[in-house]
């Protein structure tokens, strides 16, 4: 079984996206919160998919 190590999590990308969108739209607080929530959802989904793939291989 290959173990893949991700350097950046979804939360990191979400906060980065939120920061850039917040700067562009001049509402940093809102967009950092939204980016954090979206990034956490991406991590949750990615981990859930990896766990289900691991159970299918057994």
Protein backbone atom coordinates (compact mmCIF):
# COMPACT_ATOMS: atom_id res chain seq x y z
CA UNK A 1 0.00 0.00 0.00
CA UNK A 2 1.39 3.37 -1.00
CA UNK A 3 1.22 6.09 1.59
CA UNK A 4 0.88 9.53 0.09
CA UNK A 5 2.06 12.45 2.19
CA UNK A 6 0.40 15.75 1.37
CA UNK A 7 2.45 18.81 2.18
CA UNK A 8 -0.56 21.09 2.09
CA UNK A 9 -3.92 20.31 3.54
CA UNK A 10 -7.26 21.51 2.29
CA UNK A 11 -7.40 23.93 5.20
CA UNK A 12 -4.19 25.59 4.03
CA UNK A 13 -5.56 26.03 0.53
CA UNK A 14 -8.87 27.24 1.93
CA UNK A 15 -7.28 29.92 4.09
CA UNK A 16 -5.04 31.00 1.22
CA UNK A 17 -8.05 31.21 -1.11
CA UNK A 18 -10.01 33.10 1.55
CA UNK A 19 -7.18 35.54 2.09
CA UNK A 20 -6.81 36.27 -1.62
CA UNK A 21 -10.57 36.57 -2.17
CA UNK A 22 -10.86 38.76 0.94
CA UNK A 23 -8.18 41.12 -0.26
CA UNK A 24 -9.73 41.31 -3.71
CA UNK A 25 -13.25 41.88 -2.38
CA UNK A 26 -12.18 43.97 0.65
CA UNK A 27 -13.83 41.68 3.22
CA UNK A 28 -10.99 39.58 4.62
CA UNK A 29 -12.80 38.35 7.74
CA UNK A 30 -15.70 36.82 5.86
CA UNK A 31 -13.59 35.15 3.20
CA UNK A 32 -11.01 33.69 5.58
CA UNK A 33 -13.88 32.08 7.52
CA UNK A 34 -15.46 30.75 4.33
CA UNK A 35 -12.11 29.49 3.03
CA UNK A 36 -11.41 27.73 6.33
CA UNK A 37 -14.81 26.02 6.25
CA UNK A 38 -14.40 24.95 2.62
CA UNK A 39 -10.88 23.69 3.28
CA UNK A 40 -12.04 21.65 6.27
CA UNK A 41 -14.79 20.12 4.14
CA UNK A 42 -12.24 19.21 1.45
CA UNK A 43 -10.00 17.54 4.06
CA UNK A 44 -12.94 15.65 5.54
CA UNK A 45 -14.04 14.41 2.13
CA UNK A 46 -10.50 13.48 1.10
CA UNK A 47 -9.91 11.52 4.33
CA UNK A 48 -13.29 9.81 4.04
CA UNK A 49 -12.51 8.71 0.47
CA UNK A 50 -9.05 7.45 1.43
CA UNK A 51 -10.49 5.43 4.31
CA UNK A 52 -13.15 3.84 2.12
CA UNK A 53 -10.54 2.96 -0.54
CA UNK A 54 -8.40 1.32 2.13
CA UNK A 55 -11.33 -0.84 3.28
CA UNK A 56 -12.03 -1.93 -0.30
CA UNK A 57 -8.44 -3.18 -0.75
CA UNK A 58 -8.63 -5.55 2.24
